[in-house]
Amino acid sequence: CVDCYYITRKDTTLLVCGGDDGNIHLYKQGLDNNYEIALSLSGHEDWIRDVQFTQEDNGDILLATCSQDTYIRLWRIAKTTATKDGDIELKLKGNQFSVF
């Protein structure tokens, strides 16, 4: 499964794909419009059934993933400061949430 998310402030696109190995791969669009791997996320134990992006008001991106292992996982992805050449760096900010 695949989803993409356009970041308007940075004029770039994120692409996420999940497969039968249980891993989620996040790609970012480079300055040459090619995609390069930004993050690989592990945590599911079976194939990925769906992935969806949303963005919070503070700029963090939430990625929801669901798997055949019957779990839904939420991943908070934070943008870091831009590099010298203006490229965007991403990091996994956290993947643990409290339920009230």
PDB file of N, CA and C in Angstrom:
ATOM      1  N   CYS A   1       0.830  -1.169   0.000  1.00  0.00           N
ATOM      2  CA  CYS A   1       0.000   0.000   0.000  1.00  0.00           C
ATOM      3  C   CYS A   1       0.887   1.249   0.000  1.00  0.00           C
ATOM      4  N   VAL A   2       0.356   2.322  -0.556  1.00  0.00           N
ATOM      5  CA  VAL A   2       1.129   3.553  -0.754  1.00  0.00           C
ATOM      6  C   VAL A   2       0.245   4.754  -0.432  1.00  0.00           C
ATOM      7  N   ASP A   3       0.853   5.800   0.124  1.00  0.00           N
ATOM      8  CA  ASP A   3       0.182   7.082   0.313  1.00  0.00           C
ATOM      9  C   ASP A   3       1.240   8.167   0.134  1.00  0.00           C
ATOM     10  N   CYS A   4       0.790   9.351  -0.247  1.00  0.00           N
ATOM     11  CA  CYS A   4       1.727  10.465  -0.369  1.00  0.00           C
ATOM     12  C   CYS A   4       1.139  11.678   0.349  1.00  0.00           C
ATOM     13  N   TYR A   5       2.025  12.582   0.757  1.00  0.00           N
ATOM     14  CA  TYR A   5       1.618  13.770   1.489  1.00  0.00           C
ATOM     15  C   TYR A   5       2.447  14.948   0.999  1.00  0.00           C
ATOM     16  N   TYR A   6       1.771  16.008   0.597  1.00  0.00           N
ATOM     17  CA  TYR A   6       2.440  17.202   0.097  1.00  0.00           C
ATOM     18  C   TYR A   6       2.611  18.202   1.240  1.00  0.00           C
ATOM     19  N   ILE A   7       3.840  18.618   1.496  1.00  0.00           N
ATOM     20  CA  ILE A   7       4.141  19.607   2.537  1.00  0.00           C
ATOM     21  C   ILE A   7       4.228  20.957   1.841  1.00  0.00           C
ATOM     22  N   THR A   8       3.211  21.779   2.027  1.00  0.00           N
ATOM     23  CA  THR A   8       3.124  23.035   1.279  1.00  0.00           C
ATOM     24  C   THR A   8       4.226  24.014   1.642  1.00  0.00           C
ATOM     25  N   ARG A   9       4.570  24.112   2.928  1.00  0.00           N
ATOM     26  CA  ARG A   9       5.592  25.078   3.343  1.00  0.00           C
ATOM     27  C   ARG A   9       6.978  24.751   2.803  1.00  0.00           C
ATOM     28  N   LYS A  10       7.219  23.504   2.497  1.00  0.00           N
ATOM     29  CA  LYS A  10       8.528  23.075   1.994  1.00  0.00           C
ATOM     30  C   LYS A  10       8.478  22.704   0.515  1.00  0.00           C
ATOM     31  N   ASP A  11       7.289  22.756  -0.083  1.00  0.00           N
ATOM     32  CA  ASP A  11       7.115  22.432  -1.496  1.00  0.00           C
ATOM     33  C   ASP A  11       7.770  21.091  -1.842  1.00  0.00           C
ATOM     34  N   THR A  12       7.443  20.082  -1.045  1.00  0.00           N
ATOM     35  CA  THR A  12       7.981  18.747  -1.271  1.00  0.00           C
ATOM     36  C   THR A  12       6.912  17.709  -0.940  1.00  0.00           C
ATOM     37  N   THR A  13       7.148  16.502  -1.371  1.00  0.00           N
ATOM     38  CA  THR A  13       6.193  15.421  -1.169  1.00  0.00           C
ATOM     39  C   THR A  13       6.852  14.280  -0.410  1.00  0.00           C
ATOM     40  N   LEU A  14       6.105  13.703   0.524  1.00  0.00           N
ATOM     41  CA  LEU A  14       6.527  12.489   1.218  1.00  0.00           C
ATOM     42  C   LEU A  14       5.744  11.322   0.644  1.00  0.00           C
ATOM     43  N   LEU A  15       6.400  10.201   0.507  1.00  0.00           N
ATOM     44  CA  LEU A  15       5.780   8.991  -0.012  1.00  0.00           C
ATOM     45  C   LEU A  15       6.030   7.886   0.998  1.00  0.00           C
ATOM     46  N   VAL A  16       4.985   7.155   1.361  1.00  0.00           N
ATOM     47  CA  VAL A  16       5.140   6.046   2.297  1.00  0.00           C
ATOM     48  C   VAL A  16       4.610   4.785   1.631  1.00  0.00           C
ATOM     49  N   CYS A  17       5.307   3.693   1.868  1.00  0.00           N
ATOM     50  CA  CYS A  17       4.817   2.419   1.356  1.00  0.00           C
ATOM     51  C   CYS A  17       5.062   1.338   2.402  1.00  0.00           C
ATOM     52  N   GLY A  18       4.141   0.424   2.450  1.00  0.00           N
ATOM     53  CA  GLY A  18       4.234  -0.717   3.350  1.00  0.00           C
ATOM     54  C   GLY A  18       4.042  -1.980   2.547  1.00  0.00           C
ATOM     55  N   GLY A  19       4.725  -3.026   2.945  1.00  0.00           N
ATOM     56  CA  GLY A  19       4.656  -4.248   2.168  1.00  0.00           C
ATOM     57  C   GLY A  19       4.432  -5.474   3.018  1.00  0.00           C
ATOM     58  N   ASP A  20       4.797  -6.602   2.453  1.00  0.00           N
ATOM     59  CA  ASP A  20       4.542  -7.864   3.129  1.00  0.00           C
ATOM     60  C   ASP A  20       5.607  -8.240   4.154  1.00  0.00           C
ATOM     61  N   ASP A  21       6.634  -7.400   4.312  1.00  0.00           N
ATOM     62  CA  ASP A  21       7.667  -7.688   5.306  1.00  0.00           C
ATOM     63  C   ASP A  21       7.384  -7.048   6.666  1.00  0.00           C
ATOM     64  N   GLY A  22       6.280  -6.290   6.782  1.00  0.00           N
ATOM     65  CA  GLY A  22       5.916  -5.657   8.041  1.00  0.00           C
ATOM     66  C   GLY A  22       6.606  -4.330   8.289  1.00  0.00           C
ATOM     67  N   ASN A  23       7.416  -3.867   7.366  1.00  0.00           N
ATOM     68  CA  ASN A  23       8.126  -2.599   7.522  1.00  0.00           C
ATOM     69  C   ASN A  23       7.448  -1.500   6.715  1.00  0.00           C
ATOM     70  N   ILE A  24       7.614  -0.275   7.195  1.00  0.00           N
ATOM     71  CA  ILE A  24       7.083   0.907   6.525  1.00  0.00           C
ATOM     72  C   ILE A  24       8.280   1.720   6.064  1.00  0.00           C
ATOM     73  N   HIS A  25       8.260   2.137   4.804  1.00  0.00           N
ATOM     74  CA  HIS A  25       9.365   2.899   4.243  1.00  0.00           C
ATOM     75  C   HIS A  25       8.854   4.273   3.831  1.00  0.00           C
ATOM     76  N   LEU A  26       9.517   5.295   4.338  1.00  0.00           N
ATOM     77  CA  LEU A  26       9.143   6.680   4.083  1.00  0.00           C
ATOM     78  C   LEU A  26      10.206   7.313   3.192  1.00  0.00           C
ATOM     79  N   TYR A  27       9.762   7.886   2.072  1.00  0.00           N
ATOM     80  CA  TYR A  27      10.653   8.525   1.111  1.00  0.00           C
ATOM     81  C   TYR A  27      10.332  10.009   1.038  1.00  0.00           C
ATOM     82  N   LYS A  28      11.352  10.824   0.793  1.00  0.00           N
ATOM     83  CA  LYS A  28      11.133  12.256   0.600  1.00  0.00           C
ATOM     84  C   LYS A  28      11.595  12.628  -0.801  1.00  0.00           C
ATOM     85  N   GLN A  29      10.928  13.619  -1.347  1.00  0.00           N
ATOM     86  CA  GLN A  29      11.264  14.098  -2.672  1.00  0.00           C
ATOM     87  C   GLN A  29      12.480  15.006  -2.572  1.00  0.00           C
ATOM     88  N   GLY A  30      13.500  14.719  -3.358  1.00  0.00           N
ATOM     89  CA  GLY A  30      14.704  15.524  -3.347  1.00  0.00           C
ATOM     90  C   GLY A  30      14.589  16.721  -4.270  1.00  0.00           C
ATOM     91  N   LEU A  31      15.622  17.533  -4.284  1.00  0.00           N
ATOM     92  CA  LEU A  31      15.642  18.728  -5.119  1.00  0.00           C
ATOM     93  C   LEU A  31      15.593  18.387  -6.603  1.00  0.00           C
ATOM     94  N   ASP A  32      16.059  17.187  -6.976  1.00  0.00           N
ATOM     95  CA  ASP A  32      16.029  16.763  -8.371  1.00  0.00           C
ATOM     96  C   ASP A  32      14.741  16.022  -8.726  1.00  0.00           C
ATOM     97  N   ASN A  33      13.741  16.076  -7.832  1.00  0.00           N
ATOM     98  CA  ASN A  33      12.430  15.441  -7.976  1.00  0.00           C
ATOM     99  C   ASN A  33      12.472  13.919  -7.911  1.00  0.00           C
ATOM    100  N   ASN A  34      13.611  13.329  -7.584  1.00  0.00           N
ATOM    101  CA  ASN A  34      13.687  11.903  -7.326  1.00  0.00           C
ATOM    102  C   ASN A  34      13.406  11.661  -5.854  1.00  0.00           C
ATOM    103  N   TYR A  35      12.950  10.463  -5.527  1.00  0.00           N
ATOM    104  CA  TYR A  35      12.647  10.123  -4.140  1.00  0.00           C
ATOM    105  C   TYR A  35      13.801   9.336  -3.536  1.00  0.00           C
ATOM    106  N   GLU A  36      14.112   9.663  -2.276  1.00  0.00           N
ATOM    107  CA  GLU A  36      15.156   8.956  -1.549  1.00  0.00           C
ATOM    108  C   GLU A  36      14.605   8.530  -0.201  1.00  0.00           C
ATOM    109  N   ILE A  37      15.116   7.415   0.310  1.00  0.00           N
ATOM    110  CA  ILE A  37      14.632   6.894   1.582  1.00  0.00           C
ATOM    111  C   ILE A  37      14.961   7.871   2.709  1.00  0.00           C
ATOM    112  N   ALA A  38      13.970   8.163   3.535  1.00  0.00           N
ATOM    113  CA  ALA A  38      14.150   9.060   4.669  1.00  0.00           C
ATOM    114  C   ALA A  38      14.111   8.287   5.984  1.00  0.00           C
ATOM    115  N   LEU A  39      13.175   7.360   6.110  1.00  0.00           N
ATOM    116  CA  LEU A  39      13.024   6.557   7.326  1.00  0.00           C
ATOM    117  C   LEU A  39      12.519   5.168   6.962  1.00  0.00           C
ATOM    118  N   SER A  40      12.923   4.187   7.738  1.00  0.00           N
ATOM    119  CA  SER A  40      12.328   2.851   7.683  1.00  0.00           C
ATOM    120  C   SER A  40      11.829   2.548   9.085  1.00  0.00           C
ATOM    121  N   LEU A  41      10.571   2.198   9.183  1.00  0.00           N
ATOM    122  CA  LEU A  41       9.935   1.971  10.482  1.00  0.00           C
ATOM    123  C   LEU A  41       9.573   0.497  10.621  1.00  0.00           C
ATOM    124  N   SER A  42       9.909  -0.081  11.755  1.00  0.00           N
ATOM    125  CA  SER A  42       9.527  -1.464  12.024  1.00  0.00           C
ATOM    126  C   SER A  42       8.690  -1.483  13.296  1.00  0.00           C
ATOM    127  N   GLY A  43       7.852  -2.464  13.418  1.00  0.00           N
ATOM    128  CA  GLY A  43       6.995  -2.575  14.595  1.00  0.00           C
ATOM    129  C   GLY A  43       5.824  -3.506  14.347  1.00  0.00           C
ATOM    130  N   HIS A  44       5.440  -3.666  13.087  1.00  0.00           N
ATOM    131  CA  HIS A  44       4.376  -4.613  12.759  1.00  0.00           C
ATOM    132  C   HIS A  44       4.978  -6.003  12.570  1.00  0.00           C
ATOM    133  N   GLU A  45       4.159  -7.015  12.797  1.00  0.00           N
ATOM    134  CA  GLU A  45       4.629  -8.393  12.703  1.00  0.00           C
ATOM    135  C   GLU A  45       4.063  -9.131  11.500  1.00  0.00           C
ATOM    136  N   ASP A  46       3.300  -8.438  10.670  1.00  0.00           N
ATOM    137  CA  ASP A  46       2.725  -9.064   9.474  1.00  0.00           C
ATOM    138  C   ASP A  46       2.622  -7.991   8.400  1.00  0.00           C
ATOM    139  N   TRP A  47       2.077  -8.332   7.256  1.00  0.00           N
ATOM    140  CA  TRP A  47       2.054  -7.395   6.131  1.00  0.00           C
ATOM    141  C   TRP A  47       1.186  -6.169   6.419  1.00  0.00           C
ATOM    142  N   ILE A  48       1.580  -5.056   5.831  1.00  0.00           N
ATOM    143  CA  ILE A  48       0.907  -3.772   6.036  1.00  0.00           C
ATOM    144  C   ILE A  48      -0.320  -3.701   5.131  1.00  0.00           C
ATOM    145  N   ARG A  49      -1.455  -3.370   5.708  1.00  0.00           N
ATOM    146  CA  ARG A  49      -2.708  -3.311   4.942  1.00  0.00           C
ATOM    147  C   ARG A  49      -3.032  -1.906   4.462  1.00  0.00           C
ATOM    148  N   ASP A  50      -2.653  -0.853   5.239  1.00  0.00           N
ATOM    149  CA  ASP A  50      -2.962   0.514   4.835  1.00  0.00           C
ATOM    150  C   ASP A  50      -2.046   1.484   5.563  1.00  0.00           C
ATOM    151  N   VAL A  51      -1.834   2.645   4.933  1.00  0.00           N
ATOM    152  CA  VAL A  51      -1.057   3.741   5.512  1.00  0.00           C
ATOM    153  C   VAL A  51      -1.766   5.049   5.175  1.00  0.00           C
ATOM    154  N   GLN A  52      -1.793   5.990   6.136  1.00  0.00           N
ATOM    155  CA  GLN A  52      -2.449   7.280   5.924  1.00  0.00           C
ATOM    156  C   GLN A  52      -1.709   8.377   6.677  1.00  0.00           C
ATOM    157  N   PHE A  53      -1.543   9.536   6.026  1.00  0.00           N
ATOM    158  CA  PHE A  53      -0.902  10.710   6.617  1.00  0.00           C
ATOM    159  C   PHE A  53      -1.930  11.719   7.106  1.00  0.00           C
ATOM    160  N   THR A  54      -1.553  12.509   8.105  1.00  0.00           N
ATOM    161  CA  THR A  54      -2.250  13.732   8.488  1.00  0.00           C
ATOM    162  C   THR A  54      -1.209  14.642   9.150  1.00  0.00           C
ATOM    163  N   GLN A  55      -1.506  15.930   9.212  1.00  0.00           N
ATOM    164  CA  GLN A  55      -0.556  16.871   9.812  1.00  0.00           C
ATOM    165  C   GLN A  55      -1.225  17.618  10.950  1.00  0.00           C
ATOM    166  N   GLU A  56      -0.492  17.770  12.064  1.00  0.00           N
ATOM    167  CA  GLU A  56      -0.983  18.512  13.211  1.00  0.00           C
ATOM    168  C   GLU A  56      -0.687  19.998  13.028  1.00  0.00           C
ATOM    169  N   ASP A  57      -1.312  20.825  13.854  1.00  0.00           N
ATOM    170  CA  ASP A  57      -1.125  22.275  13.769  1.00  0.00           C
ATOM    171  C   ASP A  57       0.317  22.705  14.033  1.00  0.00           C
ATOM    172  N   ASN A  58       1.066  21.934  14.821  1.00  0.00           N
ATOM    173  CA  ASN A  58       2.451  22.292  15.126  1.00  0.00           C
ATOM    174  C   ASN A  58       3.423  21.887  14.021  1.00  0.00           C
ATOM    175  N   GLY A  59       2.924  21.279  12.956  1.00  0.00           N
ATOM    176  CA  GLY A  59       3.766  20.887  11.833  1.00  0.00           C
ATOM    177  C   GLY A  59       4.192  19.438  11.835  1.00  0.00           C
ATOM    178  N   ASP A  60       4.034  18.747  12.969  1.00  0.00           N
ATOM    179  CA  ASP A  60       4.365  17.322  13.002  1.00  0.00           C
ATOM    180  C   ASP A  60       3.406  16.554  12.108  1.00  0.00           C
ATOM    181  N   ILE A  61       3.912  15.501  11.519  1.00  0.00           N
ATOM    182  CA  ILE A  61       3.113  14.652  10.645  1.00  0.00           C
ATOM    183  C   ILE A  61       2.810  13.365  11.398  1.00  0.00           C
ATOM    184  N   LEU A  62       1.561  12.956  11.380  1.00  0.00           N
ATOM    185  CA  LEU A  62       1.173  11.673  11.953  1.00  0.00           C
ATOM    186  C   LEU A  62       0.961  10.688  10.819  1.00  0.00           C
ATOM    187  N   LEU A  63       1.485   9.496  10.996  1.00  0.00           N
ATOM    188  CA  LEU A  63       1.311   8.419  10.039  1.00  0.00           C
ATOM    189  C   LEU A  63       0.606   7.280  10.762  1.00  0.00           C
ATOM    190  N   ALA A  64      -0.548   6.891  10.262  1.00  0.00           N
ATOM    191  CA  ALA A  64      -1.276   5.752  10.817  1.00  0.00           C
ATOM    192  C   ALA A  64      -1.034   4.559   9.901  1.00  0.00           C
ATOM    193  N   THR A  65      -0.682   3.434  10.494  1.00  0.00           N
ATOM    194  CA  THR A  65      -0.474   2.216   9.726  1.00  0.00           C
ATOM    195  C   THR A  65      -1.276   1.092  10.367  1.00  0.00           C
ATOM    196  N   CYS A  66      -1.821   0.230   9.545  1.00  0.00           N
ATOM    197  CA  CYS A  66      -2.506  -0.946  10.075  1.00  0.00           C
ATOM    198  C   CYS A  66      -1.970  -2.171   9.352  1.00  0.00           C
ATOM    199  N   SER A  67      -2.008  -3.277  10.058  1.00  0.00           N
ATOM    200  CA  SER A  67      -1.355  -4.483   9.570  1.00  0.00           C
ATOM    201  C   SER A  67      -2.254  -5.693   9.781  1.00  0.00           C
ATOM    202  N   GLN A  68      -1.917  -6.739   9.086  1.00  0.00           N
ATOM    203  CA  GLN A  68      -2.603  -8.020   9.245  1.00  0.00           C
ATOM    204  C   GLN A  68      -2.392  -8.574  10.652  1.00  0.00           C
ATOM    205  N   ASP A  69      -1.425  -8.018  11.409  1.00  0.00           N
ATOM    206  CA  ASP A  69      -1.202  -8.458  12.788  1.00  0.00           C
ATOM    207  C   ASP A  69      -2.265  -7.910  13.740  1.00  0.00           C
ATOM    208  N   THR A  70      -3.259  -7.213  13.230  1.00  0.00           N
ATOM    209  CA  THR A  70      -4.427  -6.637  13.934  1.00  0.00           C
ATOM    210  C   THR A  70      -4.107  -5.397  14.751  1.00  0.00           C
ATOM    211  N   TYR A  71      -2.929  -4.797  14.551  1.00  0.00           N
ATOM    212  CA  TYR A  71      -2.576  -3.581  15.265  1.00  0.00           C
ATOM    213  C   TYR A  71      -2.639  -2.370  14.349  1.00  0.00           C
ATOM    214  N   ILE A  72      -3.047  -1.248  14.926  1.00  0.00           N
ATOM    215  CA  ILE A  72      -2.954   0.055  14.277  1.00  0.00           C
ATOM    216  C   ILE A  72      -1.879   0.817  15.038  1.00  0.00           C
ATOM    217  N   ARG A  73      -0.922   1.327  14.316  1.00  0.00           N
ATOM    218  CA  ARG A  73       0.160   2.077  14.950  1.00  0.00           C
ATOM    219  C   ARG A  73       0.140   3.509  14.446  1.00  0.00           C
ATOM    220  N   LEU A  74       0.403   4.445  15.373  1.00  0.00           N
ATOM    221  CA  LEU A  74       0.525   5.858  15.031  1.00  0.00           C
ATOM    222  C   LEU A  74       1.985   6.254  15.197  1.00  0.00           C
ATOM    223  N   TRP A  75       2.509   6.906  14.179  1.00  0.00           N
ATOM    224  CA  TRP A  75       3.903   7.333  14.174  1.00  0.00           C
ATOM    225  C   TRP A  75       3.926   8.848  14.053  1.00  0.00           C
ATOM    226  N   ARG A  76       4.593   9.517  14.981  1.00  0.00           N
ATOM    227  CA  ARG A  76       4.740  10.970  14.934  1.00  0.00           C
ATOM    228  C   ARG A  76       6.081  11.280  14.282  1.00  0.00           C
ATOM    229  N   ILE A  77       6.029  11.956  13.173  1.00  0.00           N
ATOM    230  CA  ILE A  77       7.233  12.273  12.413  1.00  0.00           C
ATOM    231  C   ILE A  77       7.424  13.774  12.468  1.00  0.00           C
ATOM    232  N   ALA A  78       8.582  14.199  12.954  1.00  0.00           N
ATOM    233  CA  ALA A  78       8.862  15.621  13.107  1.00  0.00           C
ATOM    234  C   ALA A  78       9.880  16.045  12.070  1.00  0.00           C
ATOM    235  N   LYS A  79       9.696  17.227  11.544  1.00  0.00           N
ATOM    236  CA  LYS A  79      10.707  17.757  10.637  1.00  0.00           C
ATOM    237  C   LYS A  79      11.822  18.354  11.478  1.00  0.00           C
ATOM    238  N   THR A  80      13.021  18.208  11.021  1.00  0.00           N
ATOM    239  CA  THR A  80      14.154  18.824  11.690  1.00  0.00           C
ATOM    240  C   THR A  80      14.549  20.044  10.879  1.00  0.00           C
ATOM    241  N   THR A  81      15.512  20.762  11.336  1.00  0.00           N
ATOM    242  CA  THR A  81      15.935  21.950  10.601  1.00  0.00           C
ATOM    243  C   THR A  81      16.474  21.556   9.236  1.00  0.00           C
ATOM    244  N   ALA A  82      16.324  22.440   8.287  1.00  0.00           N
ATOM    245  CA  ALA A  82      16.805  22.185   6.936  1.00  0.00           C
ATOM    246  C   ALA A  82      18.329  22.158   6.918  1.00  0.00           C
ATOM    247  N   THR A  83      18.875  21.375   6.021  1.00  0.00           N
ATOM    248  CA  THR A  83      20.324  21.313   5.873  1.00  0.00           C
ATOM    249  C   THR A  83      20.804  22.536   5.116  1.00  0.00           C
ATOM    250  N   LYS A  84      22.127  22.643   4.968  1.00  0.00           N
ATOM    251  CA  LYS A  84      22.703  23.804   4.284  1.00  0.00           C
ATOM    252  C   LYS A  84      22.170  23.974   2.871  1.00  0.00           C
ATOM    253  N   ASP A  85      21.907  22.879   2.185  1.00  0.00           N
ATOM    254  CA  ASP A  85      21.416  22.983   0.816  1.00  0.00           C
ATOM    255  C   ASP A  85      19.891  23.105   0.739  1.00  0.00           C
ATOM    256  N   GLY A  86      19.231  23.287   1.889  1.00  0.00           N
ATOM    257  CA  GLY A  86      17.788  23.496   1.920  1.00  0.00           C
ATOM    258  C   GLY A  86      16.977  22.211   1.943  1.00  0.00           C
ATOM    259  N   ASP A  87      17.640  21.070   1.978  1.00  0.00           N
ATOM    260  CA  ASP A  87      16.951  19.793   1.996  1.00  0.00           C
ATOM    261  C   ASP A  87      16.293  19.581   3.360  1.00  0.00           C
ATOM    262  N   ILE A  88      15.228  18.809   3.413  1.00  0.00           N
ATOM    263  CA  ILE A  88      14.486  18.544   4.646  1.00  0.00           C
ATOM    264  C   ILE A  88      14.970  17.232   5.256  1.00  0.00           C
ATOM    265  N   GLU A  89      15.186  17.231   6.549  1.00  0.00           N
ATOM    266  CA  GLU A  89      15.497  16.007   7.264  1.00  0.00           C
ATOM    267  C   GLU A  89      14.306  15.664   8.141  1.00  0.00           C
ATOM    268  N   LEU A  90      13.981  14.381   8.227  1.00  0.00           N
ATOM    269  CA  LEU A  90      12.870  13.908   9.040  1.00  0.00           C
ATOM    270  C   LEU A  90      13.396  12.962  10.092  1.00  0.00           C
ATOM    271  N   LYS A  91      12.698  12.905  11.225  1.00  0.00           N
ATOM    272  CA  LYS A  91      13.049  11.933  12.258  1.00  0.00           C
ATOM    273  C   LYS A  91      11.773  11.435  12.899  1.00  0.00           C
ATOM    274  N   LEU A  92      11.838  10.248  13.439  1.00  0.00           N
ATOM    275  CA  LEU A  92      10.733   9.694  14.191  1.00  0.00           C
ATOM    276  C   LEU A  92      10.764  10.335  15.558  1.00  0.00           C
ATOM    277  N   LYS A  93       9.713  11.090  15.885  1.00  0.00           N
ATOM    278  CA  LYS A  93       9.668  11.807  17.155  1.00  0.00           C
ATOM    279  C   LYS A  93       9.197  10.904  18.280  1.00  0.00           C
ATOM    280  N   GLY A  94       8.331   9.986  17.968  1.00  0.00           N
ATOM    281  CA  GLY A  94       7.831   9.062  18.980  1.00  0.00           C
ATOM    282  C   GLY A  94       6.747   8.203  18.411  1.00  0.00           C
ATOM    283  N   ASN A  95       6.557   7.058  18.979  1.00  0.00           N
ATOM    284  CA  ASN A  95       5.479   6.194  18.510  1.00  0.00           C
ATOM    285  C   ASN A  95       4.717   5.581  19.675  1.00  0.00           C
ATOM    286  N   GLN A  96       4.730   6.266  20.807  1.00  0.00           N
ATOM    287  CA  GLN A  96       3.956   5.815  21.950  1.00  0.00           C
ATOM    288  C   GLN A  96       2.957   6.896  22.310  1.00  0.00           C
ATOM    289  N   PHE A  97       1.713   6.495  22.471  1.00  0.00           N
ATOM    290  CA  PHE A  97       0.640   7.434  22.773  1.00  0.00           C
ATOM    291  C   PHE A  97      -0.141   6.907  23.972  1.00  0.00           C
ATOM    292  N   SER A  98      -0.654   7.830  24.744  1.00  0.00           N
ATOM    293  CA  SER A  98      -1.512   7.462  25.869  1.00  0.00           C
ATOM    294  C   SER A  98      -2.959   7.495  25.432  1.00  0.00           C
ATOM    295  N   VAL A  99      -3.727   6.568  25.958  1.00  0.00           N
ATOM    296  CA  VAL A  99      -5.164   6.533  25.705  1.00  0.00           C
ATOM    297  C   VAL A  99      -5.862   6.883  26.994  1.00  0.00           C
ATOM    298  N   PHE A 100      -6.687   7.911  26.965  1.00  0.00           N
ATOM    299  CA  PHE A 100      -7.371   8.376  28.174  1.00  0.00           C
ATOM    300  C   PHE A 100      -8.737   7.785  28.285  1.00  0.00           C
TER     301      PHE A 100
END
